Amino acid sequence: MQVIVLCRFSYPAEGGFQVDHDTIDARRAFLYAPGRMEQRFALFEHLCLPSLKAQTNPDFDFVVLVGTCLPETYLSRLQSLLADMPQARIVARDPAPHRRICQSVLNAARKHIHQPCLQVRHDDDDALAVDFIARLRKAASDCTPLLRDNKLVGFDWNRGFTVAPSKRHRFKITETVSPYLGLAQAMAVQGGGRQSLMNFAHSRINRFMPTVTFTDAAMFVRAHHVSNDSRQKPRVAKLDFHAPTLDEIETLNRRFALTADAVELAFGPVVSAVPRATG
């Protein structure tokens, strides 16, 4: 069964952001601000890509959605980072409604539209466990009757880590168990189905389809930083961070192909240079 991992890299969608911009030009200005782009590239290179390149099952397609307006210097940099990843393909699209364009890109990435597939949403500043693709394929196989009897089936791994920059330590970390967070989340689509994982809010997929939840192992690393779209609004939950222990650093390396140096580099750009979203 084909596995498609969709990553939106600063794509200027219409909608799809927690904080709106008045115009597409305003959204482009925010997304492509030099400080923000330096941070996104650092997170993508040092946090997101290592875990994907180290997957124990490399049989997946990695589709990176960008805007046709992405400046050439950033596009070339992105191409260079993905040059040694055969699963990766950059897809450029004009600004369009978020759910519609993501659905279109996912369906276009399907090798056989009348065959079932597994779809994964993945942000450019997060990491997946190195056995995520393998575990997803096994979960789908174990749930064969459920997939046969339902057009859509969700899969959610809810245990992982959140990391953030720290003034006192190399970085700070906390373990979390958060259902339907949108990380390490996937959806099985029957052959011929046109709906995609991106047609549904990640926190509400259990309202529209049966879902299967796993909580046995850490399956994601989420980055907290000033340009998180999900943290731009008030009343954001505060997490109980602490300095990473040796056991946690070992887990990051074993489960996510990340070193302490890599996490520190991911937060390397000066975060104060990153603009906050404005309505």
C-alpha atoms as a PDB file:
ATOM      1  CA  MET A   1       0.000   0.000   0.000  1.00  0.00           C
ATOM      2  CA  GLN A   2       1.383   3.398  -0.963  1.00  0.00           C
ATOM      3  CA  VAL A   3       2.312   5.741   1.900  1.00  0.00           C
ATOM      4  CA  ILE A   4       2.316   9.477   1.146  1.00  0.00           C
ATOM      5  CA  VAL A   5       3.807  11.959   3.608  1.00  0.00           C
ATOM      6  CA  LEU A   6       2.695  15.530   2.870  1.00  0.00           C
ATOM      7  CA  CYS A   7       4.738  18.445   4.184  1.00  0.00           C
ATOM      8  CA  ARG A   8       3.754  22.079   3.584  1.00  0.00           C
ATOM      9  CA  PHE A   9       6.907  24.210   3.466  1.00  0.00           C
ATOM     10  CA  SER A  10       5.827  27.831   3.941  1.00  0.00           C
ATOM     11  CA  TYR A  11       3.048  27.379   1.391  1.00  0.00           C
ATOM     12  CA  PRO A  12       0.912  30.585   1.214  1.00  0.00           C
ATOM     13  CA  ALA A  13      -2.498  28.964   1.398  1.00  0.00           C
ATOM     14  CA  GLU A  14      -5.797  30.772   1.573  1.00  0.00           C
ATOM     15  CA  GLY A  15      -6.884  29.775   5.065  1.00  0.00           C
ATOM     16  CA  GLY A  16      -5.244  26.927   6.954  1.00  0.00           C
ATOM     17  CA  PHE A  17      -3.499  29.181   9.482  1.00  0.00           C
ATOM     18  CA  GLN A  18      -4.546  29.887  13.058  1.00  0.00           C
ATOM     19  CA  VAL A  19      -3.998  33.595  12.466  1.00  0.00           C
ATOM     20  CA  ASP A  20      -5.324  35.152   9.285  1.00  0.00           C
ATOM     21  CA  HIS A  21      -3.646  37.705   7.053  1.00  0.00           C
ATOM     22  CA  ASP A  22      -5.652  40.323   5.191  1.00  0.00           C
ATOM     23  CA  THR A  23      -4.141  39.510   1.795  1.00  0.00           C
ATOM     24  CA  ILE A  24      -2.002  36.856   0.123  1.00  0.00           C
ATOM     25  CA  ASP A  25       0.740  39.474  -0.221  1.00  0.00           C
ATOM     26  CA  ALA A  26       0.694  39.970   3.544  1.00  0.00           C
ATOM     27  CA  ARG A  27       0.905  36.223   4.056  1.00  0.00           C
ATOM     28  CA  ARG A  28       3.845  35.951   1.655  1.00  0.00           C
ATOM     29  CA  ALA A  29       5.611  38.784   3.448  1.00  0.00           C
ATOM     30  CA  PHE A  30       5.196  36.964   6.755  1.00  0.00           C
ATOM     31  CA  LEU A  31       6.141  33.519   5.471  1.00  0.00           C
ATOM     32  CA  TYR A  32       9.179  34.629   3.469  1.00  0.00           C
ATOM     33  CA  ALA A  33      10.626  37.077   5.991  1.00  0.00           C
ATOM     34  CA  PRO A  34      14.384  36.306   6.141  1.00  0.00           C
ATOM     35  CA  GLY A  35      14.469  35.640   9.891  1.00  0.00           C
ATOM     36  CA  ARG A  36      11.532  33.266   9.735  1.00  0.00           C
ATOM     37  CA  MET A  37      12.907  31.388   6.715  1.00  0.00           C
ATOM     38  CA  GLU A  38      16.288  30.911   8.399  1.00  0.00           C
ATOM     39  CA  GLN A  39      14.538  29.328  11.352  1.00  0.00           C
ATOM     40  CA  ARG A  40      12.299  27.119   9.207  1.00  0.00           C
ATOM     41  CA  PHE A  41      15.282  25.851   7.231  1.00  0.00           C
ATOM     42  CA  ALA A  42      17.213  25.119  10.418  1.00  0.00           C
ATOM     43  CA  LEU A  43      14.275  23.180  11.866  1.00  0.00           C
ATOM     44  CA  PHE A  44      13.657  21.353   8.576  1.00  0.00           C
ATOM     45  CA  GLU A  45      17.307  20.371   8.125  1.00  0.00           C
ATOM     46  CA  HIS A  46      18.200  19.426  11.686  1.00  0.00           C
ATOM     47  CA  LEU A  47      14.889  18.192  13.153  1.00  0.00           C
ATOM     48  CA  CYS A  48      12.523  17.078  10.397  1.00  0.00           C
ATOM     49  CA  LEU A  49      14.752  15.476   7.767  1.00  0.00           C
ATOM     50  CA  PRO A  50      17.052  13.244   9.878  1.00  0.00           C
ATOM     51  CA  SER A  51      14.163  11.121  11.125  1.00  0.00           C
ATOM     52  CA  LEU A  52      12.631  10.753   7.666  1.00  0.00           C
ATOM     53  CA  LYS A  53      15.916   9.841   6.028  1.00  0.00           C
ATOM     54  CA  ALA A  54      16.508   7.202   8.739  1.00  0.00           C
ATOM     55  CA  GLN A  55      13.156   5.393   8.392  1.00  0.00           C
ATOM     56  CA  THR A  56      13.578   1.646   8.891  1.00  0.00           C
ATOM     57  CA  ASN A  57      11.034   1.152   6.101  1.00  0.00           C
ATOM     58  CA  PRO A  58      11.986   3.588   3.307  1.00  0.00           C
ATOM     59  CA  ASP A  59       8.953   2.708   1.157  1.00  0.00           C
ATOM     60  CA  PHE A  60       7.076   6.016   1.202  1.00  0.00           C
ATOM     61  CA  ASP A  61       6.656   9.161  -0.882  1.00  0.00           C
ATOM     62  CA  PHE A  62       7.584  12.510   0.655  1.00  0.00           C
ATOM     63  CA  VAL A  63       5.713  15.356  -1.048  1.00  0.00           C
ATOM     64  CA  VAL A  64       6.839  18.868  -0.120  1.00  0.00           C
ATOM     65  CA  LEU A  65       4.294  21.530  -1.054  1.00  0.00           C
ATOM     66  CA  VAL A  66       5.631  25.022  -1.745  1.00  0.00           C
ATOM     67  CA  GLY A  67       4.259  28.117  -3.392  1.00  0.00           C
ATOM     68  CA  THR A  68       5.142  28.971  -6.981  1.00  0.00           C
ATOM     69  CA  CYS A  69       6.138  32.330  -5.485  1.00  0.00           C
ATOM     70  CA  LEU A  70       8.800  30.806  -3.201  1.00  0.00           C
ATOM     71  CA  PRO A  71      11.914  32.900  -3.887  1.00  0.00           C
ATOM     72  CA  GLU A  72      14.459  31.078  -6.052  1.00  0.00           C
ATOM     73  CA  THR A  73      17.170  31.224  -3.398  1.00  0.00           C
ATOM     74  CA  TYR A  74      14.928  29.321  -0.974  1.00  0.00           C
ATOM     75  CA  LEU A  75      13.783  26.853  -3.615  1.00  0.00           C
ATOM     76  CA  SER A  76      17.390  26.022  -4.529  1.00  0.00           C
ATOM     77  CA  ARG A  77      18.233  25.570  -0.871  1.00  0.00           C
ATOM     78  CA  LEU A  78      15.284  23.224  -0.410  1.00  0.00           C
ATOM     79  CA  GLN A  79      16.265  21.197  -3.485  1.00  0.00           C
ATOM     80  CA  SER A  80      19.787  20.835  -2.116  1.00  0.00           C
ATOM     81  CA  LEU A  81      18.542  19.526   1.238  1.00  0.00           C
ATOM     82  CA  LEU A  82      16.361  16.911  -0.493  1.00  0.00           C
ATOM     83  CA  ALA A  83      18.856  15.882  -3.187  1.00  0.00           C
ATOM     84  CA  ASP A  84      19.940  12.731  -1.305  1.00  0.00           C
ATOM     85  CA  MET A  85      16.382  11.656  -0.431  1.00  0.00           C
ATOM     86  CA  PRO A  86      14.895   9.567  -3.267  1.00  0.00           C
ATOM     87  CA  GLN A  87      11.436   9.593  -1.682  1.00  0.00           C
ATOM     88  CA  ALA A  88      11.205  13.391  -1.859  1.00  0.00           C
ATOM     89  CA  ARG A  89       9.462  15.469  -4.476  1.00  0.00           C
ATOM     90  CA  ILE A  90       8.801  19.210  -4.412  1.00  0.00           C
ATOM     91  CA  VAL A  91       5.405  20.306  -5.718  1.00  0.00           C
ATOM     92  CA  ALA A  92       4.851  24.017  -6.435  1.00  0.00           C
ATOM     93  CA  ARG A  93       1.327  25.436  -6.536  1.00  0.00           C
ATOM     94  CA  ASP A  94      -0.197  28.897  -6.736  1.00  0.00           C
ATOM     95  CA  PRO A  95      -1.924  30.176  -3.580  1.00  0.00           C
ATOM     96  CA  ALA A  96      -5.295  28.436  -3.198  1.00  0.00           C
ATOM     97  CA  PRO A  97      -7.767  27.380  -0.470  1.00  0.00           C
ATOM     98  CA  HIS A  98      -5.856  25.222   1.986  1.00  0.00           C
ATOM     99  CA  ARG A  99      -7.953  22.065   2.152  1.00  0.00           C
ATOM    100  CA  ARG A 100      -8.684  22.020  -1.571  1.00  0.00           C
ATOM    101  CA  ILE A 101      -5.052  22.376  -2.647  1.00  0.00           C
ATOM    102  CA  CYS A 102      -3.780  19.780  -0.152  1.00  0.00           C
ATOM    103  CA  GLN A 103      -6.457  17.326  -1.304  1.00  0.00           C
ATOM    104  CA  SER A 104      -5.451  17.939  -4.913  1.00  0.00           C
ATOM    105  CA  VAL A 105      -1.741  17.443  -4.213  1.00  0.00           C
ATOM    106  CA  LEU A 106      -2.319  14.258  -2.231  1.00  0.00           C
ATOM    107  CA  ASN A 107      -4.577  12.752  -4.884  1.00  0.00           C
ATOM    108  CA  ALA A 108      -2.103  13.684  -7.625  1.00  0.00           C
ATOM    109  CA  ALA A 109       0.634  11.905  -5.652  1.00  0.00           C
ATOM    110  CA  ARG A 110      -1.305   8.621  -5.616  1.00  0.00           C
ATOM    111  CA  LYS A 111       0.216   6.145  -8.054  1.00  0.00           C
ATOM    112  CA  HIS A 112      -3.073   4.295  -8.466  1.00  0.00           C
ATOM    113  CA  ILE A 113      -6.158   6.295  -7.487  1.00  0.00           C
ATOM    114  CA  HIS A 114      -8.257   3.111  -7.412  1.00  0.00           C
ATOM    115  CA  GLN A 115      -5.911   1.429  -4.935  1.00  0.00           C
ATOM    116  CA  PRO A 116      -5.985   2.175  -1.185  1.00  0.00           C
ATOM    117  CA  CYS A 117      -3.302   4.391   0.289  1.00  0.00           C
ATOM    118  CA  LEU A 118      -2.046   5.710   3.604  1.00  0.00           C
ATOM    119  CA  GLN A 119      -1.655   9.475   4.039  1.00  0.00           C
ATOM    120  CA  VAL A 120       0.430  11.285   6.649  1.00  0.00           C
ATOM    121  CA  ARG A 121       0.437  14.980   7.547  1.00  0.00           C
ATOM    122  CA  HIS A 122       3.816  16.210   8.723  1.00  0.00           C
ATOM    123  CA  ASP A 123       5.037  19.703   9.563  1.00  0.00           C
ATOM    124  CA  ASP A 124       8.455  20.942   8.502  1.00  0.00           C
ATOM    125  CA  ASP A 125       9.535  21.617  12.097  1.00  0.00           C
ATOM    126  CA  ASP A 126       8.704  18.234  13.644  1.00  0.00           C
ATOM    127  CA  ALA A 127      10.262  14.756  13.658  1.00  0.00           C
ATOM    128  CA  LEU A 128       8.821  11.258  13.376  1.00  0.00           C
ATOM    129  CA  ALA A 129      10.165   8.116  15.015  1.00  0.00           C
ATOM    130  CA  VAL A 130      12.447   6.192  12.665  1.00  0.00           C
ATOM    131  CA  ASP A 131      10.042   3.235  12.687  1.00  0.00           C
ATOM    132  CA  PHE A 132       6.932   5.322  12.018  1.00  0.00           C
ATOM    133  CA  ILE A 133       6.404   4.114   8.439  1.00  0.00           C
ATOM    134  CA  ALA A 134       6.987   0.511   9.517  1.00  0.00           C
ATOM    135  CA  ARG A 135       4.521   0.835  12.405  1.00  0.00           C
ATOM    136  CA  LEU A 136       1.957   2.554  10.200  1.00  0.00           C
ATOM    137  CA  ARG A 137       2.126  -0.243   7.640  1.00  0.00           C
ATOM    138  CA  LYS A 138       1.793  -2.872  10.386  1.00  0.00           C
ATOM    139  CA  ALA A 139      -1.176  -1.034  11.935  1.00  0.00           C
ATOM    140  CA  ALA A 140      -2.914  -0.937   8.569  1.00  0.00           C
ATOM    141  CA  SER A 141      -2.265  -4.641   8.054  1.00  0.00           C
ATOM    142  CA  ASP A 142      -3.494  -5.509  11.552  1.00  0.00           C
ATOM    143  CA  CYS A 143      -6.675  -3.512  10.893  1.00  0.00           C
ATOM    144  CA  THR A 144      -7.430  -5.004   7.467  1.00  0.00           C
ATOM    145  CA  PRO A 145     -11.135  -5.718   8.221  1.00  0.00           C
ATOM    146  CA  LEU A 146     -11.605  -2.161   9.528  1.00  0.00           C
ATOM    147  CA  LEU A 147     -10.010  -0.670   6.409  1.00  0.00           C
ATOM    148  CA  ARG A 148     -12.096  -2.935   4.165  1.00  0.00           C
ATOM    149  CA  ASP A 149     -15.379  -1.889   5.775  1.00  0.00           C
ATOM    150  CA  ASN A 150     -14.767   1.867   6.034  1.00  0.00           C
ATOM    151  CA  LYS A 151     -13.883   4.430   3.390  1.00  0.00           C
ATOM    152  CA  LEU A 152     -11.624   6.265   5.835  1.00  0.00           C
ATOM    153  CA  VAL A 153      -9.766   5.087   8.949  1.00  0.00           C
ATOM    154  CA  GLY A 154      -7.571   7.276  11.154  1.00  0.00           C
ATOM    155  CA  PHE A 155      -4.401   6.262  12.993  1.00  0.00           C
ATOM    156  CA  ASP A 156      -3.033   8.337  15.853  1.00  0.00           C
ATOM    157  CA  TRP A 157       0.155   7.884  17.880  1.00  0.00           C
ATOM    158  CA  ASN A 158      -0.247  10.232  20.818  1.00  0.00           C
ATOM    159  CA  ARG A 159       3.011   9.918  22.794  1.00  0.00           C
ATOM    160  CA  GLY A 160       6.028  12.039  22.013  1.00  0.00           C
ATOM    161  CA  PHE A 161       8.337  14.853  23.043  1.00  0.00           C
ATOM    162  CA  THR A 162       8.180  18.613  22.743  1.00  0.00           C
ATOM    163  CA  VAL A 163      11.461  20.523  22.534  1.00  0.00           C
ATOM    164  CA  ALA A 164      12.092  24.255  22.743  1.00  0.00           C
ATOM    165  CA  PRO A 165      15.032  26.665  22.849  1.00  0.00           C
ATOM    166  CA  SER A 166      16.425  27.493  26.276  1.00  0.00           C
ATOM    167  CA  LYS A 167      18.568  30.312  27.623  1.00  0.00           C
ATOM    168  CA  ARG A 168      20.017  28.116  30.381  1.00  0.00           C
ATOM    169  CA  HIS A 169      20.425  24.766  28.608  1.00  0.00           C
ATOM    170  CA  ARG A 170      21.225  23.527  25.119  1.00  0.00           C
ATOM    171  CA  PHE A 171      17.472  23.069  24.760  1.00  0.00           C
ATOM    172  CA  LYS A 172      14.560  22.045  26.959  1.00  0.00           C
ATOM    173  CA  ILE A 173      12.227  19.088  26.634  1.00  0.00           C
ATOM    174  CA  THR A 174       9.101  17.443  27.993  1.00  0.00           C
ATOM    175  CA  GLU A 175       7.246  14.221  27.232  1.00  0.00           C
ATOM    176  CA  THR A 176       3.580  14.566  26.301  1.00  0.00           C
ATOM    177  CA  VAL A 177       0.582  12.352  25.607  1.00  0.00           C
ATOM    178  CA  SER A 178      -1.807  14.333  23.443  1.00  0.00           C
ATOM    179  CA  PRO A 179      -4.503  12.621  21.351  1.00  0.00           C
ATOM    180  CA  TYR A 180      -5.161  13.894  17.823  1.00  0.00           C
ATOM    181  CA  LEU A 181      -2.373  16.457  18.012  1.00  0.00           C
ATOM    182  CA  GLY A 182      -1.735  16.135  14.290  1.00  0.00           C
ATOM    183  CA  LEU A 183       1.753  14.661  14.688  1.00  0.00           C
ATOM    184  CA  ALA A 184       2.367  10.985  13.946  1.00  0.00           C
ATOM    185  CA  GLN A 185      -1.151  10.921  12.548  1.00  0.00           C
ATOM    186  CA  ALA A 186      -2.278   9.133   9.399  1.00  0.00           C
ATOM    187  CA  MET A 187      -5.380   8.102   7.502  1.00  0.00           C
ATOM    188  CA  ALA A 188      -6.182   5.100   5.323  1.00  0.00           C
ATOM    189  CA  VAL A 189      -8.215   5.878   2.202  1.00  0.00           C
ATOM    190  CA  GLN A 190     -10.016   3.193   0.223  1.00  0.00           C
ATOM    191  CA  GLY A 191      -9.326   2.868  -3.485  1.00  0.00           C
ATOM    192  CA  GLY A 192     -11.293   5.431  -5.462  1.00  0.00           C
ATOM    193  CA  GLY A 193     -11.803   7.686  -2.443  1.00  0.00           C
ATOM    194  CA  ARG A 194     -11.080  11.343  -3.115  1.00  0.00           C
ATOM    195  CA  GLN A 195     -11.141  12.777   0.378  1.00  0.00           C
ATOM    196  CA  SER A 196      -7.748  13.298   1.971  1.00  0.00           C
ATOM    197  CA  LEU A 197      -6.379  13.526   5.487  1.00  0.00           C
ATOM    198  CA  MET A 198      -6.103  17.291   4.992  1.00  0.00           C
ATOM    199  CA  ASN A 199      -9.871  17.585   4.525  1.00  0.00           C
ATOM    200  CA  PHE A 200     -10.245  17.121   8.277  1.00  0.00           C
ATOM    201  CA  ALA A 201      -9.085  19.101  11.287  1.00  0.00           C
ATOM    202  CA  HIS A 202      -6.510  16.847  12.964  1.00  0.00           C
ATOM    203  CA  SER A 203      -8.143  17.263  16.374  1.00  0.00           C
ATOM    204  CA  ARG A 204     -11.562  16.138  15.094  1.00  0.00           C
ATOM    205  CA  ILE A 205     -10.936  13.209  12.758  1.00  0.00           C
ATOM    206  CA  ASN A 206     -12.583  10.835  15.251  1.00  0.00           C
ATOM    207  CA  ARG A 207     -15.885  12.615  14.537  1.00  0.00           C
ATOM    208  CA  PHE A 208     -15.844  11.507  10.916  1.00  0.00           C
ATOM    209  CA  MET A 209     -14.253   8.059  10.861  1.00  0.00           C
ATOM    210  CA  PRO A 210     -13.188   5.207  13.110  1.00  0.00           C
ATOM    211  CA  THR A 211      -9.739   5.816  14.559  1.00  0.00           C
ATOM    212  CA  VAL A 212      -7.119   3.609  16.164  1.00  0.00           C
ATOM    213  CA  THR A 213      -4.894   5.104  18.863  1.00  0.00           C
ATOM    214  CA  PHE A 214      -1.475   3.921  20.032  1.00  0.00           C
ATOM    215  CA  THR A 215       0.329   5.194  23.116  1.00  0.00           C
ATOM    216  CA  ASP A 216       3.065   2.626  23.760  1.00  0.00           C
ATOM    217  CA  ALA A 217       6.110   4.459  22.377  1.00  0.00           C
ATOM    218  CA  ALA A 218       7.278   7.992  21.659  1.00  0.00           C
ATOM    219  CA  MET A 219       6.526   8.618  17.986  1.00  0.00           C
ATOM    220  CA  PHE A 220       7.042  12.338  17.456  1.00  0.00           C
ATOM    221  CA  VAL A 221       9.167  15.304  18.432  1.00  0.00           C
ATOM    222  CA  ARG A 222       7.406  18.650  18.263  1.00  0.00           C
ATOM    223  CA  ALA A 223       9.288  21.952  18.165  1.00  0.00           C
ATOM    224  CA  HIS A 224       8.028  24.928  20.153  1.00  0.00           C
ATOM    225  CA  HIS A 225       9.247  28.328  18.954  1.00  0.00           C
ATOM    226  CA  VAL A 226       7.940  31.826  18.303  1.00  0.00           C
ATOM    227  CA  SER A 227       6.763  31.155  14.741  1.00  0.00           C
ATOM    228  CA  ASN A 228       4.596  28.132  15.571  1.00  0.00           C
ATOM    229  CA  ASP A 229       1.296  28.924  13.882  1.00  0.00           C
ATOM    230  CA  SER A 230      -0.591  27.007  16.578  1.00  0.00           C
ATOM    231  CA  ARG A 231       0.972  29.169  19.320  1.00  0.00           C
ATOM    232  CA  GLN A 232       0.146  32.610  17.898  1.00  0.00           C
ATOM    233  CA  LYS A 233      -3.151  32.993  19.725  1.00  0.00           C
ATOM    234  CA  PRO A 234      -3.757  33.703  23.426  1.00  0.00           C
ATOM    235  CA  ARG A 235      -4.313  31.042  26.090  1.00  0.00           C
ATOM    236  CA  VAL A 236      -1.735  28.648  24.698  1.00  0.00           C
ATOM    237  CA  ALA A 237      -1.117  25.806  27.136  1.00  0.00           C
ATOM    238  CA  LYS A 238       2.217  25.996  28.950  1.00  0.00           C
ATOM    239  CA  LEU A 239       4.262  22.826  29.171  1.00  0.00           C
ATOM    240  CA  ASP A 240       6.477  21.689  32.040  1.00  0.00           C
ATOM    241  CA  PHE A 241       9.871  21.802  30.319  1.00  0.00           C
ATOM    242  CA  HIS A 242      13.158  20.708  31.852  1.00  0.00           C
ATOM    243  CA  ALA A 243      16.767  20.241  30.779  1.00  0.00           C
ATOM    244  CA  PRO A 244      17.200  17.028  28.777  1.00  0.00           C
ATOM    245  CA  THR A 245      18.441  14.020  30.727  1.00  0.00           C
ATOM    246  CA  LEU A 246      20.968  11.567  29.337  1.00  0.00           C
ATOM    247  CA  ASP A 247      18.169   9.016  28.914  1.00  0.00           C
ATOM    248  CA  GLU A 248      16.107  11.510  26.906  1.00  0.00           C
ATOM    249  CA  ILE A 249      19.068  12.411  24.704  1.00  0.00           C
ATOM    250  CA  GLU A 250      19.651   8.701  24.088  1.00  0.00           C
ATOM    251  CA  THR A 251      15.971   8.261  23.216  1.00  0.00           C
ATOM    252  CA  LEU A 252      16.109  11.160  20.756  1.00  0.00           C
ATOM    253  CA  ASN A 253      19.046   9.485  19.056  1.00  0.00           C
ATOM    254  CA  ARG A 254      17.634   5.945  19.067  1.00  0.00           C
ATOM    255  CA  ARG A 255      14.026   6.774  18.219  1.00  0.00           C
ATOM    256  CA  PHE A 256      14.457   9.857  15.998  1.00  0.00           C
ATOM    257  CA  ALA A 257      18.054   9.825  14.664  1.00  0.00           C
ATOM    258  CA  LEU A 258      18.591  13.146  16.452  1.00  0.00           C
ATOM    259  CA  THR A 259      21.603  14.255  18.449  1.00  0.00           C
ATOM    260  CA  ALA A 260      21.690  16.962  21.092  1.00  0.00           C
ATOM    261  CA  ASP A 261      23.823  18.983  18.655  1.00  0.00           C
ATOM    262  CA  ALA A 262      21.149  18.646  15.961  1.00  0.00           C
ATOM    263  CA  VAL A 263      18.372  19.868  18.239  1.00  0.00           C
ATOM    264  CA  GLU A 264      20.539  22.784  19.330  1.00  0.00           C
ATOM    265  CA  LEU A 265      21.283  23.647  15.680  1.00  0.00           C
ATOM    266  CA  ALA A 266      17.565  23.474  14.865  1.00  0.00           C
ATOM    267  CA  PHE A 267      17.031  26.370  17.237  1.00  0.00           C
ATOM    268  CA  GLY A 268      20.220  28.118  16.142  1.00  0.00           C
ATOM    269  CA  PRO A 269      18.820  31.142  14.237  1.00  0.00           C
ATOM    270  CA  VAL A 270      18.048  34.169  16.378  1.00  0.00           C
ATOM    271  CA  VAL A 271      14.386  33.688  17.203  1.00  0.00           C
ATOM    272  CA  SER A 272      13.834  37.369  17.924  1.00  0.00           C
ATOM    273  CA  ALA A 273      14.299  38.000  14.197  1.00  0.00           C
ATOM    274  CA  VAL A 274      11.198  35.969  13.414  1.00  0.00           C
ATOM    275  CA  PRO A 275       8.051  38.097  12.966  1.00  0.00           C
ATOM    276  CA  ARG A 276       4.842  37.151  14.682  1.00  0.00           C
ATOM    277  CA  ALA A 277       1.715  36.669  12.603  1.00  0.00           C
ATOM    278  CA  THR A 278      -0.686  39.575  12.490  1.00  0.00           C
ATOM    279  CA  GLY A 279      -4.292  39.636  11.466  1.00  0.00           C
END
